[in-house]
C-alpha cells in the first residue's frame, strides 16, 4: 500500500493526543510533547510536506504495517506495558513480515522496565526504501519475539 499522508497539523494532533494519554508521568509527558512540538516546527520550517501517523501495538509485532513504499521516518515513540521483561522494538525497512533478522533492523529502542517510555526523533528523516515492519524482541541482537503481555504500544511518524 502506498503512503496515506495528511496535513502535518492533523498528524501533530494525533501525536499530542497519544502522548497525553500514554505518558506515565507529567514530566515524561511534557518532555515528549515539547520534543514533538519542536520536531513539527522544524518539519514545517523545512517544508517537509504531508505526514502519516502509524500506530502499532502487540498485535502488529512482526507484521507489515501497510506501508509498502519508500518513505522517511521522523519519529518513533513507544510505551511498554507494565512488565519488567526486556523488550526491544526494531523498526525494519521491509515490505513484508518475512524475517526478523538483525541485518534488516534500521532503528531499535530498548524498553527495560515496566511502563518504560522511549522516543527517537529524526528532523532530516531516516530513509526507508521498501516498507515498514515493527518487531518486538527479547534481546537487542536477538530474533526471538516477546510475549504479548511484555510488548510496547506506540506510533511512528513518516512522510514521503
N, C-alpha and C. Protein backbone atom coordinates (compact mmCIF):
# COMPACT_ATOMS: atom_id res chain seq x y z
N UNK A 1 0.84 -1.16 0.00
CA UNK A 1 0.00 0.00 0.00
C UNK A 1 0.90 1.24 0.00
N UNK A 2 0.50 2.23 -0.71
CA UNK A 2 1.24 3.48 -0.77
C UNK A 2 1.03 4.26 0.52
N UNK A 3 1.78 5.31 0.66
CA UNK A 3 1.59 6.19 1.80
C UNK A 3 0.21 6.81 1.77
N UNK A 4 -0.32 7.08 2.94
CA UNK A 4 -1.61 7.73 3.07
C UNK A 4 -1.42 8.96 3.96
N UNK A 5 -0.77 9.97 3.41
CA UNK A 5 -0.39 11.13 4.21
C UNK A 5 -1.55 12.11 4.35
N UNK A 6 -1.41 12.96 5.34
CA UNK A 6 -2.40 14.02 5.58
C UNK A 6 -1.66 15.24 6.12
N UNK A 7 -2.39 16.27 6.35
CA UNK A 7 -1.83 17.52 6.83
C UNK A 7 -0.97 17.31 8.07
N UNK A 8 0.20 17.96 8.15
CA UNK A 8 1.02 17.85 9.35
C UNK A 8 0.28 18.29 10.61
N UNK A 9 -0.65 19.21 10.48
CA UNK A 9 -1.44 19.66 11.64
C UNK A 9 -2.28 18.52 12.21
N UNK A 10 -2.87 17.71 11.34
CA UNK A 10 -3.67 16.57 11.81
C UNK A 10 -2.79 15.51 12.46
N UNK A 11 -1.63 15.25 11.87
CA UNK A 11 -0.70 14.27 12.44
C UNK A 11 -0.19 14.78 13.79
N UNK A 12 0.13 16.07 13.87
CA UNK A 12 0.58 16.65 15.14
C UNK A 12 -0.47 16.44 16.22
N UNK A 13 -1.74 16.65 15.90
CA UNK A 13 -2.80 16.48 16.88
C UNK A 13 -2.90 15.02 17.33
N UNK A 14 -2.74 14.08 16.42
CA UNK A 14 -2.76 12.65 16.78
C UNK A 14 -1.60 12.32 17.71
N UNK A 15 -0.43 12.89 17.42
CA UNK A 15 0.74 12.67 18.27
C UNK A 15 0.48 13.22 19.67
N UNK A 16 0.03 14.46 19.76
CA UNK A 16 -0.23 15.08 21.06
C UNK A 16 -1.27 14.29 21.85
N UNK A 17 -2.36 13.88 21.19
CA UNK A 17 -3.40 13.12 21.88
C UNK A 17 -2.86 11.79 22.41
N UNK A 18 -2.05 11.12 21.61
CA UNK A 18 -1.47 9.85 22.05
C UNK A 18 -0.51 10.06 23.20
N UNK A 19 0.35 11.06 23.10
CA UNK A 19 1.30 11.33 24.17
C UNK A 19 0.60 11.72 25.47
N UNK A 20 -0.43 12.53 25.36
CA UNK A 20 -1.17 12.93 26.56
C UNK A 20 -1.84 11.75 27.23
N UNK A 21 -2.28 10.78 26.46
CA UNK A 21 -2.96 9.62 27.03
C UNK A 21 -2.04 8.50 27.46
N UNK A 22 -0.82 8.47 26.94
CA UNK A 22 0.06 7.33 27.17
C UNK A 22 1.11 7.57 28.25
N UNK A 23 1.59 8.77 28.37
CA UNK A 23 2.73 9.02 29.24
C UNK A 23 2.40 8.72 30.70
N UNK A 24 3.34 8.05 31.38
CA UNK A 24 3.07 7.62 32.75
C UNK A 24 3.46 8.63 33.80
N UNK A 25 3.90 9.80 33.44
CA UNK A 25 4.13 10.86 34.41
C UNK A 25 4.02 12.20 33.73
N UNK A 26 3.72 13.21 34.51
CA UNK A 26 3.60 14.56 33.96
C UNK A 26 4.92 15.00 33.36
N UNK A 27 6.04 14.69 34.02
CA UNK A 27 7.35 15.10 33.49
C UNK A 27 7.64 14.45 32.15
N UNK A 28 7.41 13.12 32.05
CA UNK A 28 7.64 12.46 30.77
C UNK A 28 6.72 13.02 29.70
N UNK A 29 5.47 13.23 30.05
CA UNK A 29 4.51 13.79 29.09
C UNK A 29 4.97 15.12 28.55
N UNK A 30 5.46 15.99 29.42
CA UNK A 30 5.96 17.30 28.98
C UNK A 30 7.19 17.16 28.09
N UNK A 31 8.06 16.22 28.43
CA UNK A 31 9.27 16.00 27.63
C UNK A 31 8.91 15.58 26.21
N UNK A 32 8.09 14.53 26.07
CA UNK A 32 7.74 14.03 24.74
C UNK A 32 6.95 15.07 23.96
N UNK A 33 6.03 15.76 24.65
CA UNK A 33 5.21 16.77 23.99
C UNK A 33 6.08 17.90 23.46
N UNK A 34 7.01 18.41 24.29
CA UNK A 34 7.89 19.51 23.87
C UNK A 34 8.80 19.08 22.72
N UNK A 35 9.35 17.88 22.81
CA UNK A 35 10.23 17.40 21.74
C UNK A 35 9.45 17.22 20.44
N UNK A 36 8.23 16.69 20.54
CA UNK A 36 7.40 16.52 19.33
C UNK A 36 7.04 17.88 18.74
N UNK A 37 6.71 18.84 19.60
CA UNK A 37 6.38 20.18 19.12
C UNK A 37 7.55 20.77 18.33
N UNK A 38 8.75 20.64 18.87
CA UNK A 38 9.93 21.18 18.17
C UNK A 38 10.18 20.45 16.86
N UNK A 39 9.98 19.13 16.85
CA UNK A 39 10.13 18.38 15.60
C UNK A 39 9.16 18.90 14.55
N UNK A 40 7.89 19.06 14.91
CA UNK A 40 6.90 19.55 13.94
C UNK A 40 7.23 20.97 13.48
N UNK A 41 7.74 21.81 14.37
CA UNK A 41 8.15 23.16 13.97
C UNK A 41 9.28 23.11 12.94
N UNK A 42 10.25 22.23 13.17
CA UNK A 42 11.37 22.08 12.23
C UNK A 42 10.86 21.55 10.89
N UNK A 43 10.01 20.54 10.92
CA UNK A 43 9.49 19.97 9.68
C UNK A 43 8.69 21.01 8.90
N UNK A 44 7.92 21.83 9.60
CA UNK A 44 7.16 22.88 8.93
C UNK A 44 8.09 23.91 8.30
N UNK A 45 9.11 24.31 9.02
CA UNK A 45 10.07 25.29 8.51
C UNK A 45 10.78 24.76 7.27
N UNK A 46 11.08 23.47 7.26
CA UNK A 46 11.78 22.85 6.13
C UNK A 46 10.84 22.47 5.00
N UNK A 47 9.55 22.62 5.21
CA UNK A 47 8.60 22.26 4.17
C UNK A 47 8.56 20.78 3.90
N UNK A 48 8.54 19.97 4.96
CA UNK A 48 8.59 18.51 4.82
C UNK A 48 7.38 17.92 4.11
N UNK A 49 6.29 18.66 4.03
CA UNK A 49 5.10 18.14 3.34
C UNK A 49 4.20 17.36 4.28
N UNK A 50 3.27 16.64 3.68
CA UNK A 50 2.31 15.87 4.46
C UNK A 50 2.98 14.69 5.16
N UNK A 51 2.34 14.23 6.23
CA UNK A 51 2.89 13.18 7.07
C UNK A 51 1.85 12.09 7.29
N UNK A 52 2.28 11.00 7.91
CA UNK A 52 1.37 9.93 8.26
C UNK A 52 1.67 9.46 9.67
N UNK A 53 0.62 9.25 10.46
CA UNK A 53 0.70 8.71 11.82
C UNK A 53 0.44 7.21 11.71
N UNK A 54 1.40 6.39 12.14
CA UNK A 54 1.29 4.93 12.03
C UNK A 54 1.36 4.33 13.43
N UNK A 55 0.21 3.98 14.02
CA UNK A 55 0.23 3.35 15.34
C UNK A 55 0.65 1.89 15.26
N UNK A 56 1.20 1.37 16.37
CA UNK A 56 1.49 -0.06 16.47
C UNK A 56 1.26 -0.52 17.90
N UNK A 57 0.98 -1.81 18.05
CA UNK A 57 0.81 -2.43 19.36
C UNK A 57 1.23 -3.89 19.27
N UNK A 58 0.93 -4.64 20.30
CA UNK A 58 1.36 -6.05 20.35
C UNK A 58 0.86 -6.85 19.16
N UNK A 59 -0.34 -6.55 18.69
CA UNK A 59 -0.90 -7.30 17.56
C UNK A 59 -0.14 -7.05 16.27
N UNK A 60 0.60 -5.95 16.21
CA UNK A 60 1.31 -5.59 14.99
C UNK A 60 2.73 -6.11 14.95
N UNK A 61 3.23 -6.69 16.03
CA UNK A 61 4.62 -7.11 16.01
C UNK A 61 4.84 -8.17 14.93
N UNK A 62 5.89 -7.98 14.19
CA UNK A 62 6.29 -8.85 13.09
C UNK A 62 5.24 -8.88 11.98
N UNK A 63 4.49 -7.79 11.86
CA UNK A 63 3.52 -7.67 10.78
C UNK A 63 3.85 -6.45 9.93
N UNK A 64 3.54 -6.56 8.67
CA UNK A 64 3.64 -5.43 7.77
C UNK A 64 2.63 -4.39 8.24
N UNK A 65 3.06 -3.15 8.42
CA UNK A 65 2.17 -2.10 8.91
C UNK A 65 1.41 -1.41 7.78
N UNK A 66 1.45 -1.98 6.60
CA UNK A 66 0.68 -1.44 5.48
C UNK A 66 1.40 -0.36 4.70
N UNK A 67 2.65 -0.14 5.01
CA UNK A 67 3.44 0.86 4.28
C UNK A 67 4.43 0.10 3.42
N UNK A 68 4.13 -0.01 2.14
CA UNK A 68 4.98 -0.76 1.22
C UNK A 68 5.56 0.16 0.16
N UNK A 69 6.03 1.32 0.61
CA UNK A 69 6.57 2.31 -0.31
C UNK A 69 7.73 3.03 0.36
N UNK A 70 8.55 3.64 -0.42
CA UNK A 70 9.65 4.44 0.12
C UNK A 70 9.08 5.59 0.94
N UNK A 71 9.73 5.89 2.06
CA UNK A 71 9.30 6.97 2.94
C UNK A 71 10.44 7.36 3.86
N UNK A 72 10.20 8.34 4.72
CA UNK A 72 11.17 8.75 5.74
C UNK A 72 10.51 8.63 7.10
N UNK A 73 11.27 8.18 8.08
CA UNK A 73 10.80 8.13 9.45
C UNK A 73 11.29 9.40 10.15
N UNK A 74 10.36 10.10 10.80
CA UNK A 74 10.69 11.31 11.54
C UNK A 74 10.63 11.11 13.05
N UNK A 75 9.81 10.20 13.51
CA UNK A 75 9.67 9.99 14.96
C UNK A 75 9.18 8.58 15.23
N UNK A 76 9.73 7.98 16.30
CA UNK A 76 9.23 6.70 16.81
C UNK A 76 9.05 6.89 18.31
N UNK A 77 7.88 6.51 18.83
CA UNK A 77 7.59 6.60 20.26
C UNK A 77 6.94 5.30 20.70
N UNK A 78 7.26 4.86 21.90
CA UNK A 78 6.60 3.69 22.45
C UNK A 78 6.55 3.73 23.96
N UNK A 79 5.54 3.07 24.51
CA UNK A 79 5.38 2.91 25.96
C UNK A 79 5.17 1.43 26.23
N UNK A 80 6.02 0.90 27.09
CA UNK A 80 5.96 -0.53 27.42
C UNK A 80 4.81 -0.81 28.36
N UNK A 81 4.25 -1.98 28.21
CA UNK A 81 3.23 -2.42 29.14
C UNK A 81 3.89 -2.67 30.50
N UNK A 82 3.12 -2.78 31.52
CA UNK A 82 3.63 -2.82 32.88
C UNK A 82 4.21 -4.18 33.25
N UNK A 83 5.33 -4.53 32.62
CA UNK A 83 6.06 -5.74 32.97
C UNK A 83 7.54 -5.40 33.00
N UNK A 84 8.29 -6.20 33.73
CA UNK A 84 9.72 -5.94 33.87
C UNK A 84 10.56 -6.68 32.83
N UNK A 85 9.95 -7.45 31.95
CA UNK A 85 10.67 -8.21 30.95
C UNK A 85 11.21 -7.27 29.87
N UNK A 86 12.49 -7.42 29.53
CA UNK A 86 13.11 -6.58 28.49
C UNK A 86 12.40 -6.76 27.16
N UNK A 87 12.16 -5.64 26.48
CA UNK A 87 11.60 -5.65 25.14
C UNK A 87 12.37 -4.66 24.29
N UNK A 88 12.69 -5.06 23.07
CA UNK A 88 13.40 -4.21 22.13
C UNK A 88 12.54 -4.05 20.89
N UNK A 89 12.21 -2.82 20.55
CA UNK A 89 11.40 -2.53 19.37
C UNK A 89 12.35 -2.24 18.21
N UNK A 90 12.24 -3.06 17.17
CA UNK A 90 13.09 -2.90 15.98
C UNK A 90 12.21 -2.49 14.81
N UNK A 91 12.49 -1.32 14.25
CA UNK A 91 11.79 -0.82 13.07
C UNK A 91 12.62 -1.22 11.86
N UNK A 92 11.97 -1.90 10.94
CA UNK A 92 12.67 -2.55 9.84
C UNK A 92 12.23 -1.99 8.49
N UNK A 93 13.19 -1.80 7.61
CA UNK A 93 12.93 -1.37 6.23
C UNK A 93 12.63 -2.61 5.40
N UNK A 94 11.36 -2.98 5.38
CA UNK A 94 10.95 -4.20 4.71
C UNK A 94 9.53 -4.00 4.18
N UNK A 95 9.18 -4.72 3.13
CA UNK A 95 7.83 -4.57 2.57
C UNK A 95 6.92 -5.73 2.90
N UNK A 96 7.39 -6.65 3.73
CA UNK A 96 6.55 -7.74 4.21
C UNK A 96 7.17 -8.32 5.46
N UNK A 97 6.36 -8.96 6.25
CA UNK A 97 6.81 -9.52 7.52
C UNK A 97 7.41 -10.90 7.31
N UNK A 98 8.52 -10.97 6.60
CA UNK A 98 9.08 -12.27 6.24
C UNK A 98 10.28 -12.66 7.08
N UNK A 99 10.82 -11.73 7.87
CA UNK A 99 12.03 -12.04 8.60
C UNK A 99 12.19 -11.07 9.75
N UNK A 100 12.90 -11.49 10.77
CA UNK A 100 13.24 -10.58 11.86
C UNK A 100 14.75 -10.57 12.09
N UNK A 101 15.51 -10.80 11.05
CA UNK A 101 16.96 -10.85 11.19
C UNK A 101 17.51 -9.48 11.54
N UNK A 102 18.58 -9.50 12.31
CA UNK A 102 19.21 -8.27 12.77
C UNK A 102 19.68 -7.40 11.61
N UNK A 103 20.05 -8.00 10.51
CA UNK A 103 20.58 -7.23 9.39
C UNK A 103 19.53 -6.31 8.77
N UNK A 104 18.26 -6.57 9.01
CA UNK A 104 17.22 -5.72 8.45
C UNK A 104 16.85 -4.56 9.36
N UNK A 105 17.30 -4.56 10.61
CA UNK A 105 16.92 -3.52 11.55
C UNK A 105 17.47 -2.16 11.15
N UNK A 106 16.66 -1.15 11.27
CA UNK A 106 17.09 0.20 10.97
C UNK A 106 17.17 1.01 12.25
N UNK A 107 16.14 0.91 13.10
CA UNK A 107 16.07 1.64 14.36
C UNK A 107 15.69 0.62 15.43
N UNK A 108 16.36 0.68 16.57
CA UNK A 108 15.99 -0.23 17.66
C UNK A 108 15.99 0.55 18.97
N UNK A 109 14.88 0.44 19.72
CA UNK A 109 14.72 1.11 21.01
C UNK A 109 14.57 0.07 22.10
N UNK A 110 15.19 0.33 23.26
CA UNK A 110 15.14 -0.59 24.39
C UNK A 110 14.12 -0.13 25.43
N UNK A 111 13.31 -1.07 25.91
CA UNK A 111 12.34 -0.85 26.98
C UNK A 111 12.63 -1.90 28.04
N UNK A 112 13.30 -1.49 29.14
CA UNK A 112 13.87 -2.46 30.06
C UNK A 112 13.15 -2.58 31.40
N UNK A 113 12.17 -1.73 31.66
CA UNK A 113 11.39 -1.80 32.90
C UNK A 113 9.92 -1.60 32.56
N UNK A 114 9.06 -1.99 33.47
CA UNK A 114 7.63 -1.80 33.26
C UNK A 114 7.28 -0.33 33.10
N UNK A 115 6.37 -0.04 32.20
CA UNK A 115 5.91 1.32 31.91
C UNK A 115 6.99 2.23 31.30
N UNK A 116 8.10 1.66 30.85
CA UNK A 116 9.16 2.47 30.25
C UNK A 116 8.64 3.16 29.00
N UNK A 117 9.16 4.35 28.75
CA UNK A 117 8.85 5.10 27.54
C UNK A 117 10.17 5.43 26.85
N UNK A 118 10.15 5.46 25.53
CA UNK A 118 11.31 5.89 24.76
C UNK A 118 10.83 6.47 23.45
N UNK A 119 11.59 7.42 22.96
CA UNK A 119 11.28 8.04 21.68
C UNK A 119 12.58 8.42 20.99
N UNK A 120 12.52 8.51 19.69
CA UNK A 120 13.65 8.97 18.91
C UNK A 120 13.10 9.89 17.83
N UNK A 121 13.84 10.96 17.54
CA UNK A 121 13.41 12.00 16.60
C UNK A 121 14.47 12.17 15.53
N UNK A 122 14.04 12.27 14.28
CA UNK A 122 14.95 12.44 13.14
C UNK A 122 14.46 13.62 12.30
N UNK A 123 14.92 14.84 12.57
CA UNK A 123 14.44 16.01 11.82
C UNK A 123 14.69 15.92 10.31
N UNK A 124 15.75 15.22 9.91
CA UNK A 124 16.03 15.05 8.48
C UNK A 124 15.34 13.82 7.92
N UNK A 125 14.86 12.97 8.78
CA UNK A 125 14.20 11.74 8.37
C UNK A 125 15.20 10.62 8.10
N UNK A 126 14.79 9.40 8.39
CA UNK A 126 15.57 8.21 8.07
C UNK A 126 14.93 7.59 6.84
N UNK A 127 15.70 7.47 5.76
CA UNK A 127 15.17 6.91 4.52
C UNK A 127 14.87 5.43 4.66
N UNK A 128 13.68 5.06 4.22
CA UNK A 128 13.27 3.67 4.17
C UNK A 128 12.86 3.41 2.72
N UNK A 129 13.50 2.47 2.07
CA UNK A 129 13.29 2.25 0.65
C UNK A 129 12.15 1.30 0.33
N UNK A 130 11.85 0.37 1.26
CA UNK A 130 10.95 -0.73 0.92
C UNK A 130 9.59 -0.70 1.61
N UNK A 131 9.58 -0.46 2.89
CA UNK A 131 8.34 -0.53 3.64
C UNK A 131 8.60 -0.34 5.11
N UNK A 132 7.68 -0.85 5.94
CA UNK A 132 7.78 -0.62 7.38
C UNK A 132 7.22 -1.82 8.14
N UNK A 133 8.09 -2.46 8.92
CA UNK A 133 7.71 -3.57 9.79
C UNK A 133 8.27 -3.26 11.17
N UNK A 134 7.47 -3.54 12.22
CA UNK A 134 7.92 -3.39 13.60
C UNK A 134 8.00 -4.77 14.22
N UNK A 135 9.17 -5.10 14.79
CA UNK A 135 9.35 -6.34 15.53
C UNK A 135 9.60 -5.97 16.99
N UNK A 136 9.09 -6.79 17.91
CA UNK A 136 9.32 -6.59 19.33
C UNK A 136 9.98 -7.85 19.86
N UNK A 137 11.23 -7.70 20.28
CA UNK A 137 12.10 -8.84 20.55
C UNK A 137 12.56 -8.88 21.99
N UNK A 138 13.10 -10.02 22.43
CA UNK A 138 13.52 -10.21 23.81
C UNK A 138 14.97 -9.82 24.07
N UNK A 139 15.75 -9.57 23.03
CA UNK A 139 17.15 -9.17 23.20
C UNK A 139 17.53 -8.19 22.09
N UNK A 140 18.46 -7.30 22.40
CA UNK A 140 18.86 -6.28 21.43
C UNK A 140 19.33 -6.87 20.12
N UNK A 141 20.15 -7.89 20.19
CA UNK A 141 20.67 -8.51 18.97
C UNK A 141 19.96 -9.82 18.67
N UNK A 142 18.78 -10.00 19.23
CA UNK A 142 18.08 -11.27 19.09
C UNK A 142 17.09 -11.31 17.95
N UNK A 143 16.47 -12.47 17.83
CA UNK A 143 15.46 -12.69 16.81
C UNK A 143 14.25 -13.40 17.38
N UNK A 144 14.14 -13.42 18.72
CA UNK A 144 13.01 -14.07 19.38
C UNK A 144 11.97 -13.02 19.75
N UNK A 145 10.74 -13.23 19.30
CA UNK A 145 9.68 -12.28 19.59
C UNK A 145 9.26 -12.38 21.04
N UNK A 146 8.91 -11.22 21.63
CA UNK A 146 8.45 -11.19 23.01
C UNK A 146 7.01 -11.64 23.14
N UNK A 147 6.61 -11.97 24.37
CA UNK A 147 5.22 -12.35 24.66
C UNK A 147 4.34 -11.10 24.61
N UNK A 148 3.09 -11.24 24.23
CA UNK A 148 2.19 -10.11 24.05
C UNK A 148 2.10 -9.24 25.31
N UNK A 149 2.11 -9.84 26.47
CA UNK A 149 1.97 -9.07 27.71
C UNK A 149 3.16 -8.16 27.97
N UNK A 150 4.30 -8.43 27.35
CA UNK A 150 5.53 -7.68 27.60
C UNK A 150 5.81 -6.60 26.56
N UNK A 151 4.92 -6.40 25.62
CA UNK A 151 5.25 -5.59 24.47
C UNK A 151 4.94 -4.11 24.65
N UNK A 152 5.22 -3.37 23.61
CA UNK A 152 5.17 -1.91 23.60
C UNK A 152 4.06 -1.45 22.66
N UNK A 153 3.34 -0.41 23.06
CA UNK A 153 2.38 0.26 22.21
C UNK A 153 2.97 1.61 21.83
N UNK A 154 2.81 2.02 20.58
CA UNK A 154 3.40 3.30 20.19
C UNK A 154 2.97 3.73 18.82
N UNK A 155 3.78 4.60 18.23
CA UNK A 155 3.48 5.12 16.90
C UNK A 155 4.76 5.56 16.21
N UNK A 156 4.64 5.70 14.90
CA UNK A 156 5.74 6.18 14.06
C UNK A 156 5.17 7.29 13.19
N UNK A 157 5.92 8.38 13.04
CA UNK A 157 5.53 9.46 12.15
C UNK A 157 6.42 9.37 10.92
N UNK A 158 5.79 9.25 9.75
CA UNK A 158 6.53 9.12 8.49
C UNK A 158 6.04 10.17 7.49
N UNK A 159 6.83 10.34 6.45
CA UNK A 159 6.45 11.22 5.34
C UNK A 159 7.10 10.74 4.07
N UNK A 160 6.72 11.35 2.96
CA UNK A 160 7.24 10.94 1.65
C UNK A 160 8.69 11.36 1.48
